[in-house]
Amino acid sequence: MPSHLVVVHSAVVDHESVVIILAVGDAALDGTSLAELPDATVRWQRVEREGDVACVAARMRHALPPEEFGTRIRGWGRSRGWLVTVAPCGRVG
């Protein structure tokens, strides 16, 4: 019997994106907010607040392709009353 060798390469490709989140009024936004997003890691972040306006800028690492991550985090933010902008930074590694 002939033997067949099948080689399968499987790797998680990490991506990084810059995320900016804006919140006004009762839409609570702080330095722990991004920790609630599953399957993404905050590399760095900066939080600014003045009165009832808050802004978080962060660089995040994620496994999803940039388009999917953008769609996902915008929907996640929208459900909390936030406006989210995402700019892909490219692949890691």
PDB file of N, CA and C in Angstrom:
ATOM      1  N   MET A   1       0.834  -1.177   0.000  1.00  0.00           N
ATOM      2  CA  MET A   1       0.000   0.000   0.000  1.00  0.00           C
ATOM      3  C   MET A   1       0.880   1.242   0.000  1.00  0.00           C
ATOM      4  N   PRO A   2       0.553   2.182  -0.869  1.00  0.00           N
ATOM      5  CA  PRO A   2       1.320   3.424  -0.841  1.00  0.00           C
ATOM      6  C   PRO A   2       0.936   4.248   0.378  1.00  0.00           C
ATOM      7  N   SER A   3       1.913   4.914   0.928  1.00  0.00           N
ATOM      8  CA  SER A   3       1.585   5.785   2.056  1.00  0.00           C
ATOM      9  C   SER A   3       1.547   7.217   1.557  1.00  0.00           C
ATOM     10  N   HIS A   4       0.660   7.974   2.116  1.00  0.00           N
ATOM     11  CA  HIS A   4       0.493   9.376   1.726  1.00  0.00           C
ATOM     12  C   HIS A   4       0.758  10.250   2.941  1.00  0.00           C
ATOM     13  N   LEU A   5       1.535  11.243   2.720  1.00  0.00           N
ATOM     14  CA  LEU A   5       1.822  12.190   3.781  1.00  0.00           C
ATOM     15  C   LEU A   5       1.128  13.489   3.435  1.00  0.00           C
ATOM     16  N   VAL A   6       0.289  13.924   4.321  1.00  0.00           N
ATOM     17  CA  VAL A   6      -0.412  15.184   4.131  1.00  0.00           C
ATOM     18  C   VAL A   6       0.098  16.151   5.190  1.00  0.00           C
ATOM     19  N   VAL A   7       0.594  17.274   4.749  1.00  0.00           N
ATOM     20  CA  VAL A   7       1.083  18.285   5.669  1.00  0.00           C
ATOM     21  C   VAL A   7       0.098  19.440   5.669  1.00  0.00           C
ATOM     22  N   VAL A   8      -0.362  19.792   6.842  1.00  0.00           N
ATOM     23  CA  VAL A   8      -1.296  20.898   6.982  1.00  0.00           C
ATOM     24  C   VAL A   8      -0.637  21.939   7.874  1.00  0.00           C
ATOM     25  N   HIS A   9      -0.557  23.142   7.365  1.00  0.00           N
ATOM     26  CA  HIS A   9      -0.029  24.239   8.167  1.00  0.00           C
ATOM     27  C   HIS A   9      -1.197  25.024   8.724  1.00  0.00           C
ATOM     28  N   SER A  10      -1.178  25.210  10.019  1.00  0.00           N
ATOM     29  CA  SER A  10      -2.230  25.976  10.656  1.00  0.00           C
ATOM     30  C   SER A  10      -1.581  26.959  11.607  1.00  0.00           C
ATOM     31  N   ALA A  11      -1.873  28.207  11.413  1.00  0.00           N
ATOM     32  CA  ALA A  11      -1.318  29.225  12.297  1.00  0.00           C
ATOM     33  C   ALA A  11      -2.332  30.338  12.458  1.00  0.00           C
ATOM     34  N   VAL A  12      -2.365  30.880  13.645  1.00  0.00           N
ATOM     35  CA  VAL A  12      -3.212  32.033  13.877  1.00  0.00           C
ATOM     36  C   VAL A  12      -2.404  33.261  13.490  1.00  0.00           C
ATOM     37  N   VAL A  13      -2.925  34.024  12.589  1.00  0.00           N
ATOM     38  CA  VAL A  13      -2.247  35.240  12.167  1.00  0.00           C
ATOM     39  C   VAL A  13      -2.847  36.396  12.949  1.00  0.00           C
ATOM     40  N   ASP A  14      -2.018  37.017  13.747  1.00  0.00           N
ATOM     41  CA  ASP A  14      -2.501  38.152  14.523  1.00  0.00           C
ATOM     42  C   ASP A  14      -2.418  39.425  13.714  1.00  0.00           C
ATOM     43  N   HIS A  15      -3.355  40.285  13.936  1.00  0.00           N
ATOM     44  CA  HIS A  15      -3.414  41.592  13.286  1.00  0.00           C
ATOM     45  C   HIS A  15      -3.443  42.653  14.373  1.00  0.00           C
ATOM     46  N   GLU A  16      -3.061  43.862  14.013  1.00  0.00           N
ATOM     47  CA  GLU A  16      -3.192  44.981  14.934  1.00  0.00           C
ATOM     48  C   GLU A  16      -3.997  46.079  14.269  1.00  0.00           C
ATOM     49  N   SER A  17      -4.779  46.755  15.088  1.00  0.00           N
ATOM     50  CA  SER A  17      -5.590  47.877  14.619  1.00  0.00           C
ATOM     51  C   SER A  17      -5.556  48.981  15.668  1.00  0.00           C
ATOM     52  N   VAL A  18      -5.693  50.209  15.202  1.00  0.00           N
ATOM     53  CA  VAL A  18      -5.875  51.336  16.102  1.00  0.00           C
ATOM     54  C   VAL A  18      -7.376  51.590  16.180  1.00  0.00           C
ATOM     55  N   VAL A  19      -7.874  51.726  17.405  1.00  0.00           N
ATOM     56  CA  VAL A  19      -9.298  51.895  17.653  1.00  0.00           C
ATOM     57  C   VAL A  19      -9.499  53.207  18.404  1.00  0.00           C
ATOM     58  N   ILE A  20     -10.471  53.995  17.977  1.00  0.00           N
ATOM     59  CA  ILE A  20     -10.849  55.206  18.693  1.00  0.00           C
ATOM     60  C   ILE A  20     -12.333  55.101  19.004  1.00  0.00           C
ATOM     61  N   ILE A  21     -12.668  55.281  20.273  1.00  0.00           N
ATOM     62  CA  ILE A  21     -14.052  55.169  20.724  1.00  0.00           C
ATOM     63  C   ILE A  21     -14.457  56.487  21.366  1.00  0.00           C
ATOM     64  N   LEU A  22     -15.616  56.991  20.966  1.00  0.00           N
ATOM     65  CA  LEU A  22     -16.158  58.228  21.530  1.00  0.00           C
ATOM     66  C   LEU A  22     -17.476  57.928  22.231  1.00  0.00           C
ATOM     67  N   ALA A  23     -17.660  58.554  23.388  1.00  0.00           N
ATOM     68  CA  ALA A  23     -18.901  58.390  24.144  1.00  0.00           C
ATOM     69  C   ALA A  23     -19.315  59.739  24.707  1.00  0.00           C
ATOM     70  N   VAL A  24     -20.615  59.997  24.695  1.00  0.00           N
ATOM     71  CA  VAL A  24     -21.159  61.244  25.230  1.00  0.00           C
ATOM     72  C   VAL A  24     -22.312  60.888  26.160  1.00  0.00           C
ATOM     73  N   GLY A  25     -22.401  61.625  27.264  1.00  0.00           N
ATOM     74  CA  GLY A  25     -23.539  61.453  28.170  1.00  0.00           C
ATOM     75  C   GLY A  25     -23.450  60.205  29.007  1.00  0.00           C
ATOM     76  N   ASP A  26     -24.539  59.434  29.018  1.00  0.00           N
ATOM     77  CA  ASP A  26     -24.650  58.275  29.892  1.00  0.00           C
ATOM     78  C   ASP A  26     -23.960  57.021  29.367  1.00  0.00           C
ATOM     79  N   ALA A  27     -23.340  57.075  28.210  1.00  0.00           N
ATOM     80  CA  ALA A  27     -22.670  55.905  27.642  1.00  0.00           C
ATOM     81  C   ALA A  27     -21.303  55.742  28.312  1.00  0.00           C
ATOM     82  N   ALA A  28     -21.276  55.019  29.430  1.00  0.00           N
ATOM     83  CA  ALA A  28     -20.067  54.883  30.253  1.00  0.00           C
ATOM     84  C   ALA A  28     -18.909  54.292  29.451  1.00  0.00           C
ATOM     85  N   LEU A  29     -17.783  54.990  29.463  1.00  0.00           N
ATOM     86  CA  LEU A  29     -16.576  54.555  28.760  1.00  0.00           C
ATOM     87  C   LEU A  29     -15.391  54.908  29.638  1.00  0.00           C
ATOM     88  N   ASP A  30     -14.539  53.901  29.923  1.00  0.00           N
ATOM     89  CA  ASP A  30     -13.357  54.174  30.736  1.00  0.00           C
ATOM     90  C   ASP A  30     -12.220  53.241  30.320  1.00  0.00           C
ATOM     91  N   GLY A  31     -11.159  53.224  31.104  1.00  0.00           N
ATOM     92  CA  GLY A  31      -9.971  52.449  30.770  1.00  0.00           C
ATOM     93  C   GLY A  31     -10.146  50.945  30.824  1.00  0.00           C
ATOM     94  N   THR A  32     -11.231  50.465  31.414  1.00  0.00           N
ATOM     95  CA  THR A  32     -11.460  49.016  31.477  1.00  0.00           C
ATOM     96  C   THR A  32     -12.438  48.530  30.412  1.00  0.00           C
ATOM     97  N   SER A  33     -13.014  49.430  29.677  1.00  0.00           N
ATOM     98  CA  SER A  33     -14.070  49.072  28.723  1.00  0.00           C
ATOM     99  C   SER A  33     -13.605  48.085  27.658  1.00  0.00           C
ATOM    100  N   LEU A  34     -12.422  48.272  27.097  1.00  0.00           N
ATOM    101  CA  LEU A  34     -11.954  47.384  26.030  1.00  0.00           C
ATOM    102  C   LEU A  34     -11.625  45.982  26.529  1.00  0.00           C
ATOM    103  N   ALA A  35     -11.397  45.829  27.815  1.00  0.00           N
ATOM    104  CA  ALA A  35     -11.131  44.501  28.377  1.00  0.00           C
ATOM    105  C   ALA A  35     -12.339  43.589  28.237  1.00  0.00           C
ATOM    106  N   GLU A  36     -13.523  44.168  28.055  1.00  0.00           N
ATOM    107  CA  GLU A  36     -14.755  43.388  27.903  1.00  0.00           C
ATOM    108  C   GLU A  36     -14.887  42.761  26.517  1.00  0.00           C
ATOM    109  N   LEU A  37     -14.077  43.217  25.558  1.00  0.00           N
ATOM    110  CA  LEU A  37     -14.160  42.702  24.185  1.00  0.00           C
ATOM    111  C   LEU A  37     -13.417  41.369  24.101  1.00  0.00           C
ATOM    112  N   PRO A  38     -14.133  40.261  23.803  1.00  0.00           N
ATOM    113  CA  PRO A  38     -13.465  38.959  23.744  1.00  0.00           C
ATOM    114  C   PRO A  38     -12.574  38.828  22.511  1.00  0.00           C
ATOM    115  N   ASP A  39     -11.565  37.984  22.635  1.00  0.00           N
ATOM    116  CA  ASP A  39     -10.667  37.635  21.522  1.00  0.00           C
ATOM    117  C   ASP A  39      -9.879  38.811  20.969  1.00  0.00           C
ATOM    118  N   ALA A  40      -9.579  39.777  21.809  1.00  0.00           N
ATOM    119  CA  ALA A  40      -8.741  40.912  21.413  1.00  0.00           C
ATOM    120  C   ALA A  40      -7.937  41.346  22.633  1.00  0.00           C
ATOM    121  N   THR A  41      -6.743  41.851  22.372  1.00  0.00           N
ATOM    122  CA  THR A  41      -5.851  42.268  23.447  1.00  0.00           C
ATOM    123  C   THR A  41      -5.467  43.722  23.251  1.00  0.00           C
ATOM    124  N   VAL A  42      -5.538  44.492  24.306  1.00  0.00           N
ATOM    125  CA  VAL A  42      -5.129  45.894  24.255  1.00  0.00           C
ATOM    126  C   VAL A  42      -3.613  45.956  24.411  1.00  0.00           C
ATOM    127  N   ARG A  43      -2.922  46.526  23.422  1.00  0.00           N
ATOM    128  CA  ARG A  43      -1.464  46.700  23.484  1.00  0.00           C
ATOM    129  C   ARG A  43      -1.116  47.979  24.242  1.00  0.00           C
ATOM    130  N   TRP A  44      -1.842  49.051  23.984  1.00  0.00           N
ATOM    131  CA  TRP A  44      -1.743  50.302  24.738  1.00  0.00           C
ATOM    132  C   TRP A  44      -3.042  51.054  24.564  1.00  0.00           C
ATOM    133  N   GLN A  45      -3.306  51.949  25.483  1.00  0.00           N
ATOM    134  CA  GLN A  45      -4.506  52.772  25.362  1.00  0.00           C
ATOM    135  C   GLN A  45      -4.322  54.080  26.100  1.00  0.00           C
ATOM    136  N   ARG A  46      -5.094  55.048  25.686  1.00  0.00           N
ATOM    137  CA  ARG A  46      -5.122  56.348  26.350  1.00  0.00           C
ATOM    138  C   ARG A  46      -6.588  56.752  26.497  1.00  0.00           C
ATOM    139  N   VAL A  47      -6.936  57.225  27.670  1.00  0.00           N
ATOM    140  CA  VAL A  47      -8.306  57.630  27.956  1.00  0.00           C
ATOM    141  C   VAL A  47      -8.306  59.117  28.258  1.00  0.00           C
ATOM    142  N   GLU A  48      -9.205  59.846  27.620  1.00  0.00           N
ATOM    143  CA  GLU A  48      -9.389  61.273  27.888  1.00  0.00           C
ATOM    144  C   GLU A  48     -10.846  61.505  28.245  1.00  0.00           C
ATOM    145  N   ARG A  49     -11.078  62.394  29.194  1.00  0.00           N
ATOM    146  CA  ARG A  49     -12.442  62.695  29.614  1.00  0.00           C
ATOM    147  C   ARG A  49     -12.534  64.174  29.942  1.00  0.00           C
ATOM    148  N   GLU A  50     -13.619  64.784  29.485  1.00  0.00           N
ATOM    149  CA  GLU A  50     -13.925  66.166  29.855  1.00  0.00           C
ATOM    150  C   GLU A  50     -15.431  66.270  29.966  1.00  0.00           C
ATOM    151  N   GLY A  51     -15.894  66.505  31.165  1.00  0.00           N
ATOM    152  CA  GLY A  51     -17.337  66.567  31.387  1.00  0.00           C
ATOM    153  C   GLY A  51     -17.984  65.232  31.069  1.00  0.00           C
ATOM    154  N   ASP A  52     -19.018  65.265  30.229  1.00  0.00           N
ATOM    155  CA  ASP A  52     -19.718  64.023  29.888  1.00  0.00           C
ATOM    156  C   ASP A  52     -19.222  63.403  28.589  1.00  0.00           C
ATOM    157  N   VAL A  53     -18.053  63.847  28.098  1.00  0.00           N
ATOM    158  CA  VAL A  53     -17.470  63.303  26.876  1.00  0.00           C
ATOM    159  C   VAL A  53     -16.240  62.473  27.232  1.00  0.00           C
ATOM    160  N   ALA A  54     -16.160  61.252  26.670  1.00  0.00           N
ATOM    161  CA  ALA A  54     -15.004  60.387  26.899  1.00  0.00           C
ATOM    162  C   ALA A  54     -14.484  59.872  25.569  1.00  0.00           C
ATOM    163  N   CYS A  55     -13.173  59.673  25.500  1.00  0.00           N
ATOM    164  CA  CYS A  55     -12.534  59.146  24.297  1.00  0.00           C
ATOM    165  C   CYS A  55     -11.464  58.144  24.723  1.00  0.00           C
ATOM    166  N   VAL A  56     -11.451  56.994  24.077  1.00  0.00           N
ATOM    167  CA  VAL A  56     -10.401  56.005  24.288  1.00  0.00           C
ATOM    168  C   VAL A  56      -9.734  55.772  22.940  1.00  0.00           C
ATOM    169  N   ALA A  57      -8.417  55.895  22.921  1.00  0.00           N
ATOM    170  CA  ALA A  57      -7.619  55.527  21.752  1.00  0.00           C
ATOM    171  C   ALA A  57      -6.777  54.334  22.167  1.00  0.00           C
ATOM    172  N   ALA A  58      -6.748  53.285  21.344  1.00  0.00           N
ATOM    173  CA  ALA A  58      -6.028  52.073  21.719  1.00  0.00           C
ATOM    174  C   ALA A  58      -5.459  51.379  20.488  1.00  0.00           C
ATOM    175  N   ARG A  59      -4.383  50.665  20.711  1.00  0.00           N
ATOM    176  CA  ARG A  59      -3.842  49.763  19.695  1.00  0.00           C
ATOM    177  C   ARG A  59      -4.171  48.367  20.183  1.00  0.00           C
ATOM    178  N   MET A  60      -4.852  47.589  19.330  1.00  0.00           N
ATOM    179  CA  MET A  60      -5.342  46.274  19.739  1.00  0.00           C
ATOM    180  C   MET A  60      -4.813  45.192  18.813  1.00  0.00           C
ATOM    181  N   ARG A  61      -4.558  44.030  19.385  1.00  0.00           N
ATOM    182  CA  ARG A  61      -4.149  42.859  18.617  1.00  0.00           C
ATOM    183  C   ARG A  61      -5.327  41.894  18.579  1.00  0.00           C
ATOM    184  N   HIS A  62      -5.565  41.313  17.396  1.00  0.00           N
ATOM    185  CA  HIS A  62      -6.711  40.409  17.227  1.00  0.00           C
ATOM    186  C   HIS A  62      -6.415  39.397  16.134  1.00  0.00           C
ATOM    187  N   ALA A  63      -7.100  38.268  16.169  1.00  0.00           N
ATOM    188  CA  ALA A  63      -6.895  37.209  15.188  1.00  0.00           C
ATOM    189  C   ALA A  63      -7.765  37.387  13.942  1.00  0.00           C
ATOM    190  N   LEU A  64      -8.855  38.116  14.066  1.00  0.00           N
ATOM    191  CA  LEU A  64      -9.756  38.301  12.925  1.00  0.00           C
ATOM    192  C   LEU A  64      -9.109  39.162  11.847  1.00  0.00           C
ATOM    193  N   PRO A  65      -9.429  38.919  10.592  1.00  0.00           N
ATOM    194  CA  PRO A  65      -8.986  39.835   9.538  1.00  0.00           C
ATOM    195  C   PRO A  65      -9.513  41.241   9.830  1.00  0.00           C
ATOM    196  N   PRO A  66      -8.793  42.280   9.419  1.00  0.00           N
ATOM    197  CA  PRO A  66      -9.167  43.653   9.772  1.00  0.00           C
ATOM    198  C   PRO A  66     -10.616  44.024   9.466  1.00  0.00           C
ATOM    199  N   GLU A  67     -11.145  43.607   8.334  1.00  0.00           N
ATOM    200  CA  GLU A  67     -12.518  43.974   7.980  1.00  0.00           C
ATOM    201  C   GLU A  67     -13.512  43.363   8.960  1.00  0.00           C
ATOM    202  N   GLU A  68     -13.297  42.096   9.314  1.00  0.00           N
ATOM    203  CA  GLU A  68     -14.192  41.427  10.263  1.00  0.00           C
ATOM    204  C   GLU A  68     -14.072  42.033  11.657  1.00  0.00           C
ATOM    205  N   PHE A  69     -12.836  42.333  12.073  1.00  0.00           N
ATOM    206  CA  PHE A  69     -12.636  42.935  13.380  1.00  0.00           C
ATOM    207  C   PHE A  69     -13.320  44.299  13.440  1.00  0.00           C
ATOM    208  N   GLY A  70     -13.175  45.098  12.391  1.00  0.00           N
ATOM    209  CA  GLY A  70     -13.812  46.414  12.350  1.00  0.00           C
ATOM    210  C   GLY A  70     -15.317  46.322  12.475  1.00  0.00           C
ATOM    211  N   THR A  71     -15.916  45.416  11.723  1.00  0.00           N
ATOM    212  CA  THR A  71     -17.367  45.218  11.788  1.00  0.00           C
ATOM    213  C   THR A  71     -17.780  44.780  13.188  1.00  0.00           C
ATOM    214  N   ARG A  72     -17.021  43.860  13.762  1.00  0.00           N
ATOM    215  CA  ARG A  72     -17.357  43.327  15.077  1.00  0.00           C
ATOM    216  C   ARG A  72     -17.253  44.395  16.169  1.00  0.00           C
ATOM    217  N   ILE A  73     -16.155  45.137  16.196  1.00  0.00           N
ATOM    218  CA  ILE A  73     -15.976  46.110  17.277  1.00  0.00           C
ATOM    219  C   ILE A  73     -16.909  47.311  17.109  1.00  0.00           C
ATOM    220  N   ARG A  74     -17.234  47.668  15.871  1.00  0.00           N
ATOM    221  CA  ARG A  74     -18.201  48.759  15.685  1.00  0.00           C
ATOM    222  C   ARG A  74     -19.575  48.353  16.208  1.00  0.00           C
ATOM    223  N   GLY A  75     -20.000  47.130  15.933  1.00  0.00           N
ATOM    224  CA  GLY A  75     -21.278  46.640  16.461  1.00  0.00           C
ATOM    225  C   GLY A  75     -21.268  46.527  17.968  1.00  0.00           C
ATOM    226  N   TRP A  76     -20.161  46.053  18.512  1.00  0.00           N
ATOM    227  CA  TRP A  76     -19.993  45.942  19.965  1.00  0.00           C
ATOM    228  C   TRP A  76     -20.109  47.313  20.619  1.00  0.00           C
ATOM    229  N   GLY A  77     -19.440  48.310  20.039  1.00  0.00           N
ATOM    230  CA  GLY A  77     -19.502  49.667  20.574  1.00  0.00           C
ATOM    231  C   GLY A  77     -20.878  50.297  20.409  1.00  0.00           C
ATOM    232  N   ARG A  78     -21.488  50.097  19.247  1.00  0.00           N
ATOM    233  CA  ARG A  78     -22.825  50.654  18.978  1.00  0.00           C
ATOM    234  C   ARG A  78     -23.834  50.164  20.005  1.00  0.00           C
ATOM    235  N   SER A  79     -23.724  48.886  20.408  1.00  0.00           N
ATOM    236  CA  SER A  79     -24.663  48.337  21.391  1.00  0.00           C
ATOM    237  C   SER A  79     -24.504  48.996  22.764  1.00  0.00           C
ATOM    238  N   ARG A  80     -23.407  49.704  22.972  1.00  0.00           N
ATOM    239  CA  ARG A  80     -23.156  50.408  24.230  1.00  0.00           C
ATOM    240  C   ARG A  80     -23.355  51.920  24.105  1.00  0.00           C
ATOM    241  N   GLY A  81     -23.747  52.364  22.915  1.00  0.00           N
ATOM    242  CA  GLY A  81     -23.979  53.787  22.689  1.00  0.00           C
ATOM    243  C   GLY A  81     -22.729  54.557  22.301  1.00  0.00           C
ATOM    244  N   TRP A  82     -21.698  53.872  21.807  1.00  0.00           N
ATOM    245  CA  TRP A  82     -20.434  54.501  21.447  1.00  0.00           C
ATOM    246  C   TRP A  82     -20.269  54.568  19.935  1.00  0.00           C
ATOM    247  N   LEU A  83     -19.465  55.512  19.492  1.00  0.00           N
ATOM    248  CA  LEU A  83     -19.056  55.602  18.093  1.00  0.00           C
ATOM    249  C   LEU A  83     -17.629  55.067  18.016  1.00  0.00           C
ATOM    250  N   VAL A  84     -17.377  54.105  17.107  1.00  0.00           N
ATOM    251  CA  VAL A  84     -16.071  53.453  17.015  1.00  0.00           C
ATOM    252  C   VAL A  84     -15.490  53.633  15.622  1.00  0.00           C
ATOM    253  N   THR A  85     -14.224  54.027  15.566  1.00  0.00           N
ATOM    254  CA  THR A  85     -13.472  54.107  14.320  1.00  0.00           C
ATOM    255  C   THR A  85     -12.297  53.151  14.426  1.00  0.00           C
ATOM    256  N   VAL A  86     -12.009  52.415  13.341  1.00  0.00           N
ATOM    257  CA  VAL A  86     -10.941  51.427  13.347  1.00  0.00           C
ATOM    258  C   VAL A  86     -10.039  51.638  12.136  1.00  0.00           C
ATOM    259  N   ALA A  87      -8.734  51.593  12.372  1.00  0.00           N
ATOM    260  CA  ALA A  87      -7.744  51.669  11.291  1.00  0.00           C
ATOM    261  C   ALA A  87      -6.805  50.482  11.426  1.00  0.00           C
ATOM    262  N   PRO A  88      -6.771  49.595  10.422  1.00  0.00           N
ATOM    263  CA  PRO A  88      -5.866  48.437  10.508  1.00  0.00           C
ATOM    264  C   PRO A  88      -4.411  48.876  10.414  1.00  0.00           C
ATOM    265  N   CYS A  89      -3.569  48.219  11.214  1.00  0.00           N
ATOM    266  CA  CYS A  89      -2.126  48.504  11.201  1.00  0.00           C
ATOM    267  C   CYS A  89      -1.345  47.413  10.471  1.00  0.00           C
ATOM    268  N   GLY A  90      -1.984  46.284  10.198  1.00  0.00           N
ATOM    269  CA  GLY A  90      -1.301  45.203   9.488  1.00  0.00           C
ATOM    270  C   GLY A  90      -1.132  43.972  10.349  1.00  0.00           C
ATOM    271  N   ARG A  91      -0.404  43.003   9.783  1.00  0.00           N
ATOM    272  CA  ARG A  91      -0.156  41.740  10.477  1.00  0.00           C
ATOM    273  C   ARG A  91       0.995  41.867  11.443  1.00  0.00           C
ATOM    274  N   VAL A  92       0.940  41.026  12.462  1.00  0.00           N
ATOM    275  CA  VAL A  92       2.003  40.981  13.461  1.00  0.00           C
ATOM    276  C   VAL A  92       2.868  39.776  13.136  1.00  0.00           C
ATOM    277  N   GLY A  93       4.164  39.938  13.237  1.00  0.00           N
ATOM    278  CA  GLY A  93       5.075  38.800  13.073  1.00  0.00           C
ATOM    279  C   GLY A  93       5.491  38.485  11.743  1.00  0.00           C
TER     280      GLY A  93
END
